[in-house]
């Protein structure tokens, strides 16, 4: 697998069109983006839908929370077990 194909999962910022760092899986992508300040929130100016935003645009979303993968959320709720 090429290095490019190995990192083909990205998030896209609704405001500035920046891509998050690439990762080999969607879970890894979301966890990495969250550690770098990416958030998921509500874009009330754009119809009220949920959007991803980079750290620079994070304050443009309402009710924004750090991006976190479902894998990480499951680990938190199960006390650390995968």
Protein backbone atom coordinates (compact mmCIF):
# COMPACT_ATOMS: atom_id res chain seq x y z
CA UNK A 1 0.00 0.00 0.00
CA UNK A 2 1.41 3.39 -0.92
CA UNK A 3 1.91 6.10 1.72
CA UNK A 4 -0.83 8.17 0.08
CA UNK A 5 -3.34 5.32 0.11
CA UNK A 6 -2.47 4.57 3.74
CA UNK A 7 -3.62 8.05 4.82
CA UNK A 8 -6.75 8.55 2.77
CA UNK A 9 -9.14 9.52 5.60
CA UNK A 10 -9.55 13.26 6.21
CA UNK A 11 -12.07 15.64 7.71
CA UNK A 12 -13.01 18.82 5.86
CA UNK A 13 -13.52 22.21 7.53
CA UNK A 14 -16.89 23.69 6.59
CA UNK A 15 -15.52 27.25 6.61
CA UNK A 16 -11.98 27.39 5.22
CA UNK A 17 -11.87 24.10 3.24
CA UNK A 18 -8.81 22.89 5.17
CA UNK A 19 -8.32 19.12 5.44
CA UNK A 20 -7.45 17.46 8.71
CA UNK A 21 -4.29 15.38 8.95
CA UNK A 22 -4.65 12.12 7.07
CA UNK A 23 -4.93 8.75 8.73
CA UNK A 24 -5.30 5.11 7.74
CA UNK A 25 -8.76 4.71 9.29
CA UNK A 26 -11.75 6.94 10.02
CA UNK A 27 -11.32 6.33 13.77
CA UNK A 28 -7.63 7.32 13.67
CA UNK A 29 -8.50 10.37 11.57
CA UNK A 30 -11.15 11.59 14.03
CA UNK A 31 -8.94 11.01 17.08
CA UNK A 32 -5.98 12.79 15.49
CA UNK A 33 -8.15 15.72 14.38
CA UNK A 34 -9.60 16.05 17.88
CA UNK A 35 -6.12 16.19 19.39
CA UNK A 36 -5.29 18.98 16.93
CA UNK A 37 -8.28 21.11 17.94
CA UNK A 38 -10.90 20.07 15.39
CA UNK A 39 -14.51 20.23 16.59
CA UNK A 40 -17.95 19.04 15.56
CA UNK A 41 -20.76 21.53 16.06
CA UNK A 42 -23.87 23.14 14.64
CA UNK A 43 -23.65 25.64 11.79
CA UNK A 44 -26.65 27.85 12.56
CA UNK A 45 -25.83 30.23 9.71
CA UNK A 46 -25.82 27.41 7.18
CA UNK A 47 -29.09 25.69 7.95
CA UNK A 48 -28.41 24.14 11.33
CA UNK A 49 -26.55 21.03 10.24
CA UNK A 50 -23.63 19.43 12.04
CA UNK A 51 -20.25 20.39 10.60
CA UNK A 52 -16.57 19.78 11.24
CA UNK A 53 -14.33 22.79 11.82
CA UNK A 54 -10.57 23.18 12.14
CA UNK A 55 -9.10 24.80 15.25
CA UNK A 56 -9.00 28.22 13.54
CA UNK A 57 -12.72 28.09 12.64
CA UNK A 58 -14.00 26.23 15.70
CA UNK A 59 -15.58 29.32 17.28
CA UNK A 60 -17.92 29.65 14.28
CA UNK A 61 -19.93 26.59 15.34
CA UNK A 62 -22.48 26.43 18.16
CA UNK A 63 -22.36 23.64 20.72
CA UNK A 64 -18.94 22.58 19.42
CA UNK A 65 -17.23 19.57 20.96
CA UNK A 66 -13.81 18.08 20.23
CA UNK A 67 -13.92 15.48 17.48
CA UNK A 68 -13.69 11.97 18.90
CA UNK A 69 -14.10 8.62 17.21
CA UNK A 70 -16.79 6.13 18.14
CA UNK A 71 -13.97 3.77 19.10
CA UNK A 72 -12.70 6.29 21.69
CA UNK A 73 -16.20 6.93 23.03
CA UNK A 74 -16.81 3.19 23.44
CA UNK A 75 -13.54 2.83 25.32
CA UNK A 76 -14.52 5.66 27.67
CA UNK A 77 -17.95 4.21 28.43
CA UNK A 78 -16.63 0.70 28.95
CA UNK A 79 -13.89 1.78 31.32
CA UNK A 80 -11.03 1.53 28.85
CA UNK A 81 -11.79 -1.86 27.32
CA UNK A 82 -11.78 -2.00 23.53
